[in-house]
Amino acid sequence: MGGAFSTSKPKPAAGEEGGESAVVAVVIDFSASWCGPCKMMEPVFKEMAGRFTDVAFLKVDVDELAEVARTWRVEAMPTFVLARGGEEVGRIVGADKDELEKTINTLRSSSSSTATTT
């Protein structure tokens, strides 16, 4: 299917004037084409990318981009790394849809509360 690396493009948030949308977090899906649990999570990951438009979703094939996987210390697949400002703020190892969604929602709500308390 796609390449070793793919992304979802965030859509402008409500009230924005069509410029760059504010991405509150990044979710990186480290997977492999031979990984059964990774294949099970693929439609879930795509669905979340469509629903959480303020989050950028990236997919990395660990076989094709082994150096990237090493940089992020990925040892098992699937591994979902959540990052903000280039720093890791969460990690889920395994095909746990509920934990992934909960962690994304927590990250999104912490971003909106810090953005609105100025």
N, C-alpha and C. Protein backbone atom coordinates (compact mmCIF):
# COMPACT_ATOMS: atom_id res chain seq x y z
N MET A 1 0.85 -1.17 0.00
CA MET A 1 0.00 0.00 0.00
C MET A 1 0.89 1.23 0.00
N GLY A 2 0.67 2.31 0.73
CA GLY A 2 1.44 3.53 0.69
C GLY A 2 2.93 3.30 0.76
N GLY A 3 3.66 4.26 1.20
CA GLY A 3 5.10 4.11 1.33
C GLY A 3 5.48 3.79 2.76
N ALA A 4 6.72 4.03 3.05
CA ALA A 4 7.22 3.77 4.39
C ALA A 4 6.72 4.80 5.38
N PHE A 5 6.30 5.92 4.87
CA PHE A 5 5.93 7.05 5.71
C PHE A 5 4.73 7.72 5.10
N SER A 6 3.68 7.92 5.85
CA SER A 6 2.51 8.62 5.33
C SER A 6 1.96 9.52 6.42
N THR A 7 1.17 10.49 6.01
CA THR A 7 0.62 11.43 6.98
C THR A 7 -0.83 11.71 6.68
N SER A 8 -1.50 12.24 7.67
CA SER A 8 -2.81 12.83 7.46
C SER A 8 -2.61 14.33 7.58
N LYS A 9 -3.31 15.10 6.78
CA LYS A 9 -3.15 16.55 6.82
C LYS A 9 -4.24 17.13 7.70
N PRO A 10 -3.87 17.83 8.77
CA PRO A 10 -4.88 18.44 9.63
C PRO A 10 -5.71 19.45 8.86
N LYS A 11 -7.00 19.49 9.19
CA LYS A 11 -7.90 20.45 8.56
C LYS A 11 -7.97 21.69 9.44
N PRO A 12 -8.26 22.87 8.86
CA PRO A 12 -8.37 24.07 9.69
C PRO A 12 -9.43 23.89 10.77
N ALA A 13 -9.13 24.33 11.97
CA ALA A 13 -10.08 24.24 13.07
C ALA A 13 -11.20 25.25 12.86
N ALA A 14 -12.32 25.01 13.51
CA ALA A 14 -13.45 25.92 13.39
C ALA A 14 -13.03 27.32 13.79
N GLY A 15 -13.40 28.29 13.01
CA GLY A 15 -13.06 29.67 13.30
C GLY A 15 -11.75 30.13 12.71
N GLU A 16 -10.97 29.25 12.13
CA GLU A 16 -9.72 29.66 11.51
C GLU A 16 -10.00 30.15 10.11
N GLU A 17 -9.11 30.96 9.60
CA GLU A 17 -9.32 31.58 8.30
C GLU A 17 -8.66 30.82 7.17
N GLY A 18 -8.59 29.51 7.27
CA GLY A 18 -8.05 28.71 6.17
C GLY A 18 -6.54 28.67 6.10
N GLY A 19 -5.87 29.30 7.06
CA GLY A 19 -4.41 29.25 7.09
C GLY A 19 -3.97 27.92 7.66
N GLU A 20 -2.75 27.88 8.16
CA GLU A 20 -2.24 26.66 8.79
C GLU A 20 -3.12 26.33 9.99
N SER A 21 -3.53 25.09 10.10
CA SER A 21 -4.34 24.71 11.24
C SER A 21 -3.43 24.42 12.43
N ALA A 22 -3.99 24.60 13.61
CA ALA A 22 -3.23 24.37 14.83
C ALA A 22 -3.24 22.88 15.15
N VAL A 23 -2.09 22.26 15.06
CA VAL A 23 -1.95 20.85 15.41
C VAL A 23 -1.54 20.79 16.88
N VAL A 24 -2.35 20.13 17.69
CA VAL A 24 -2.07 20.08 19.12
C VAL A 24 -1.14 18.93 19.48
N ALA A 25 -1.05 17.93 18.61
CA ALA A 25 -0.21 16.77 18.91
C ALA A 25 0.04 15.98 17.63
N VAL A 26 0.98 15.06 17.72
CA VAL A 26 1.30 14.15 16.63
C VAL A 26 1.23 12.73 17.18
N VAL A 27 0.61 11.84 16.41
CA VAL A 27 0.58 10.42 16.77
C VAL A 27 1.34 9.68 15.68
N ILE A 28 2.38 8.96 16.07
CA ILE A 28 3.19 8.20 15.11
C ILE A 28 2.92 6.72 15.32
N ASP A 29 2.47 6.06 14.25
CA ASP A 29 2.19 4.63 14.27
C ASP A 29 3.38 3.90 13.69
N PHE A 30 4.16 3.24 14.54
CA PHE A 30 5.28 2.43 14.08
C PHE A 30 4.76 1.02 13.86
N SER A 31 4.82 0.55 12.60
CA SER A 31 4.26 -0.75 12.27
C SER A 31 5.12 -1.43 11.22
N ALA A 32 4.71 -2.64 10.85
CA ALA A 32 5.40 -3.41 9.82
C ALA A 32 4.36 -4.15 8.99
N SER A 33 4.66 -4.37 7.73
CA SER A 33 3.71 -5.01 6.82
C SER A 33 3.39 -6.44 7.24
N TRP A 34 4.29 -7.11 7.94
CA TRP A 34 4.11 -8.50 8.36
C TRP A 34 3.44 -8.63 9.73
N CYS A 35 3.14 -7.53 10.37
CA CYS A 35 2.61 -7.51 11.74
C CYS A 35 1.08 -7.60 11.74
N GLY A 36 0.55 -8.72 12.23
CA GLY A 36 -0.90 -8.92 12.28
C GLY A 36 -1.64 -7.87 13.10
N PRO A 37 -1.23 -7.60 14.35
CA PRO A 37 -1.90 -6.57 15.15
C PRO A 37 -1.83 -5.18 14.49
N CYS A 38 -0.74 -4.91 13.75
CA CYS A 38 -0.62 -3.62 13.04
C CYS A 38 -1.71 -3.52 11.98
N LYS A 39 -1.94 -4.61 11.26
CA LYS A 39 -2.98 -4.62 10.23
C LYS A 39 -4.36 -4.44 10.84
N MET A 40 -4.58 -5.02 12.03
CA MET A 40 -5.86 -4.84 12.72
C MET A 40 -6.07 -3.39 13.13
N MET A 41 -5.01 -2.69 13.49
CA MET A 41 -5.12 -1.30 13.95
C MET A 41 -5.19 -0.30 12.80
N GLU A 42 -4.81 -0.70 11.59
CA GLU A 42 -4.77 0.24 10.47
C GLU A 42 -6.09 0.96 10.23
N PRO A 43 -7.25 0.26 10.13
CA PRO A 43 -8.50 1.00 9.92
C PRO A 43 -8.87 1.89 11.11
N VAL A 44 -8.51 1.46 12.31
CA VAL A 44 -8.76 2.27 13.51
C VAL A 44 -7.96 3.56 13.44
N PHE A 45 -6.68 3.45 13.07
CA PHE A 45 -5.80 4.60 12.97
C PHE A 45 -6.32 5.58 11.91
N LYS A 46 -6.75 5.05 10.77
CA LYS A 46 -7.30 5.90 9.71
C LYS A 46 -8.57 6.61 10.16
N GLU A 47 -9.42 5.89 10.87
CA GLU A 47 -10.67 6.48 11.36
C GLU A 47 -10.38 7.61 12.35
N MET A 48 -9.43 7.38 13.25
CA MET A 48 -9.06 8.42 14.22
C MET A 48 -8.46 9.63 13.51
N ALA A 49 -7.67 9.39 12.48
CA ALA A 49 -7.07 10.50 11.72
C ALA A 49 -8.16 11.36 11.08
N GLY A 50 -9.24 10.75 10.64
CA GLY A 50 -10.36 11.50 10.07
C GLY A 50 -11.17 12.24 11.12
N ARG A 51 -11.22 11.70 12.32
CA ARG A 51 -12.04 12.28 13.39
C ARG A 51 -11.31 13.36 14.17
N PHE A 52 -10.04 13.15 14.48
CA PHE A 52 -9.27 14.10 15.28
C PHE A 52 -8.45 14.99 14.34
N THR A 53 -9.10 16.00 13.78
CA THR A 53 -8.46 16.81 12.74
C THR A 53 -7.42 17.79 13.29
N ASP A 54 -7.35 17.94 14.60
CA ASP A 54 -6.34 18.82 15.20
C ASP A 54 -5.09 18.04 15.61
N VAL A 55 -5.04 16.78 15.23
CA VAL A 55 -3.90 15.92 15.53
C VAL A 55 -3.34 15.40 14.21
N ALA A 56 -2.02 15.44 14.05
CA ALA A 56 -1.39 14.89 12.85
C ALA A 56 -1.09 13.41 13.11
N PHE A 57 -1.46 12.57 12.17
CA PHE A 57 -1.24 11.13 12.28
C PHE A 57 -0.19 10.71 11.26
N LEU A 58 0.89 10.10 11.73
CA LEU A 58 1.97 9.66 10.86
C LEU A 58 2.12 8.15 10.99
N LYS A 59 2.50 7.51 9.91
CA LYS A 59 2.71 6.06 9.91
C LYS A 59 4.12 5.79 9.43
N VAL A 60 4.86 4.99 10.18
CA VAL A 60 6.24 4.66 9.85
C VAL A 60 6.38 3.15 9.75
N ASP A 61 6.85 2.66 8.60
CA ASP A 61 7.15 1.24 8.43
C ASP A 61 8.55 1.01 9.00
N VAL A 62 8.64 0.22 10.06
CA VAL A 62 9.91 0.04 10.76
C VAL A 62 10.96 -0.70 9.94
N ASP A 63 10.52 -1.49 8.97
CA ASP A 63 11.48 -2.19 8.12
C ASP A 63 12.11 -1.25 7.11
N GLU A 64 11.32 -0.31 6.60
CA GLU A 64 11.83 0.63 5.60
C GLU A 64 12.53 1.83 6.23
N LEU A 65 12.13 2.18 7.44
CA LEU A 65 12.73 3.33 8.13
C LEU A 65 13.24 2.90 9.51
N ALA A 66 14.14 1.92 9.49
CA ALA A 66 14.67 1.35 10.74
C ALA A 66 15.37 2.39 11.61
N GLU A 67 16.05 3.33 10.99
CA GLU A 67 16.76 4.36 11.76
C GLU A 67 15.78 5.24 12.53
N VAL A 68 14.65 5.56 11.92
CA VAL A 68 13.62 6.36 12.60
C VAL A 68 13.08 5.57 13.80
N ALA A 69 12.82 4.29 13.59
CA ALA A 69 12.34 3.44 14.69
C ALA A 69 13.36 3.38 15.83
N ARG A 70 14.63 3.27 15.50
CA ARG A 70 15.68 3.25 16.53
C ARG A 70 15.74 4.58 17.28
N THR A 71 15.62 5.68 16.54
CA THR A 71 15.65 7.00 17.16
C THR A 71 14.55 7.14 18.22
N TRP A 72 13.38 6.59 17.92
CA TRP A 72 12.24 6.65 18.84
C TRP A 72 12.21 5.45 19.79
N ARG A 73 13.26 4.61 19.79
CA ARG A 73 13.37 3.45 20.68
C ARG A 73 12.17 2.51 20.59
N VAL A 74 11.78 2.19 19.37
CA VAL A 74 10.67 1.28 19.13
C VAL A 74 11.21 -0.15 19.12
N GLU A 75 10.64 -0.99 19.96
CA GLU A 75 11.11 -2.37 20.06
C GLU A 75 10.03 -3.40 19.74
N ALA A 76 8.77 -2.98 19.68
CA ALA A 76 7.66 -3.90 19.39
C ALA A 76 6.64 -3.17 18.52
N MET A 77 5.88 -3.94 17.77
CA MET A 77 4.86 -3.35 16.93
C MET A 77 3.50 -3.94 17.25
N PRO A 78 2.45 -3.10 17.13
CA PRO A 78 2.56 -1.67 16.85
C PRO A 78 2.95 -0.89 18.10
N THR A 79 3.64 0.20 17.87
CA THR A 79 3.93 1.18 18.91
C THR A 79 3.41 2.52 18.43
N PHE A 80 2.63 3.17 19.27
CA PHE A 80 2.09 4.49 18.96
C PHE A 80 2.77 5.49 19.88
N VAL A 81 3.48 6.44 19.28
CA VAL A 81 4.17 7.47 20.05
C VAL A 81 3.39 8.77 19.87
N LEU A 82 3.05 9.40 20.97
CA LEU A 82 2.36 10.69 20.95
C LEU A 82 3.37 11.76 21.31
N ALA A 83 3.41 12.80 20.50
CA ALA A 83 4.41 13.85 20.69
C ALA A 83 3.76 15.22 20.59
N ARG A 84 4.39 16.15 21.29
CA ARG A 84 3.99 17.56 21.21
C ARG A 84 5.27 18.37 21.24
N GLY A 85 5.42 19.28 20.30
CA GLY A 85 6.62 20.11 20.25
C GLY A 85 7.89 19.30 20.05
N GLY A 86 7.79 18.17 19.36
CA GLY A 86 8.96 17.34 19.09
C GLY A 86 9.37 16.44 20.24
N GLU A 87 8.65 16.51 21.35
CA GLU A 87 8.97 15.70 22.53
C GLU A 87 7.90 14.63 22.73
N GLU A 88 8.34 13.44 23.08
CA GLU A 88 7.39 12.36 23.38
C GLU A 88 6.63 12.66 24.66
N VAL A 89 5.30 12.55 24.59
CA VAL A 89 4.46 12.79 25.77
C VAL A 89 3.62 11.57 26.12
N GLY A 90 3.69 10.53 25.29
CA GLY A 90 2.95 9.31 25.57
C GLY A 90 3.37 8.20 24.63
N ARG A 91 3.13 6.96 25.06
CA ARG A 91 3.50 5.81 24.24
C ARG A 91 2.56 4.67 24.58
N ILE A 92 2.06 4.02 23.55
CA ILE A 92 1.22 2.83 23.71
C ILE A 92 1.85 1.73 22.88
N VAL A 93 2.19 0.63 23.52
CA VAL A 93 2.76 -0.52 22.82
C VAL A 93 1.68 -1.59 22.75
N GLY A 94 1.35 -2.01 21.54
CA GLY A 94 0.32 -3.02 21.35
C GLY A 94 -0.91 -2.43 20.69
N ALA A 95 -1.81 -3.32 20.29
CA ALA A 95 -3.01 -2.94 19.55
C ALA A 95 -4.15 -2.65 20.52
N ASP A 96 -4.01 -1.57 21.29
CA ASP A 96 -5.01 -1.20 22.29
C ASP A 96 -5.75 0.05 21.83
N LYS A 97 -6.83 -0.15 21.07
CA LYS A 97 -7.61 0.94 20.49
C LYS A 97 -8.13 1.89 21.57
N ASP A 98 -8.70 1.32 22.64
CA ASP A 98 -9.30 2.15 23.68
C ASP A 98 -8.25 3.02 24.38
N GLU A 99 -7.11 2.45 24.68
CA GLU A 99 -6.04 3.22 25.34
C GLU A 99 -5.51 4.31 24.42
N LEU A 100 -5.38 4.01 23.13
CA LEU A 100 -4.92 5.00 22.16
C LEU A 100 -5.89 6.17 22.10
N GLU A 101 -7.17 5.87 21.99
CA GLU A 101 -8.17 6.94 21.91
C GLU A 101 -8.21 7.76 23.20
N LYS A 102 -8.15 7.09 24.34
CA LYS A 102 -8.15 7.79 25.63
C LYS A 102 -6.94 8.72 25.74
N THR A 103 -5.78 8.24 25.34
CA THR A 103 -4.56 9.05 25.43
C THR A 103 -4.62 10.25 24.49
N ILE A 104 -5.14 10.05 23.29
CA ILE A 104 -5.29 11.16 22.34
C ILE A 104 -6.25 12.19 22.92
N ASN A 105 -7.39 11.75 23.45
CA ASN A 105 -8.36 12.69 24.02
C ASN A 105 -7.78 13.45 25.20
N THR A 106 -7.00 12.79 26.04
CA THR A 106 -6.36 13.47 27.17
C THR A 106 -5.39 14.53 26.68
N LEU A 107 -4.61 14.19 25.67
CA LEU A 107 -3.65 15.14 25.10
C LEU A 107 -4.37 16.33 24.47
N ARG A 108 -5.45 16.06 23.76
CA ARG A 108 -6.22 17.14 23.12
C ARG A 108 -6.85 18.05 24.17
N SER A 109 -7.41 17.49 25.23
CA SER A 109 -8.06 18.32 26.24
C SER A 109 -7.04 19.13 27.03
N SER A 110 -5.85 18.57 27.27
CA SER A 110 -4.82 19.34 27.97
C SER A 110 -4.32 20.48 27.10
N SER A 111 -4.32 20.29 25.78
CA SER A 111 -3.91 21.36 24.87
C SER A 111 -4.94 22.47 24.84
N SER A 112 -6.23 22.11 24.81
CA SER A 112 -7.25 23.14 24.73
C SER A 112 -7.36 23.90 26.04
N SER A 113 -7.14 23.24 27.18
CA SER A 113 -7.22 23.96 28.45
C SER A 113 -6.04 24.91 28.63
N THR A 114 -4.85 24.53 28.15
CA THR A 114 -3.71 25.44 28.27
C THR A 114 -3.84 26.57 27.26
N ALA A 115 -4.48 26.30 26.13
CA ALA A 115 -4.63 27.34 25.12
C ALA A 115 -5.66 28.37 25.54
N THR A 116 -6.65 27.97 26.36
CA THR A 116 -7.72 28.90 26.71
C THR A 116 -7.47 29.61 28.04
N THR A 117 -6.47 29.21 28.79
CA THR A 117 -6.21 29.85 30.08
C THR A 117 -5.06 30.84 29.97
N THR A 118 -5.29 31.94 29.26
CA THR A 118 -4.27 32.98 29.15
C THR A 118 -4.75 34.28 29.70
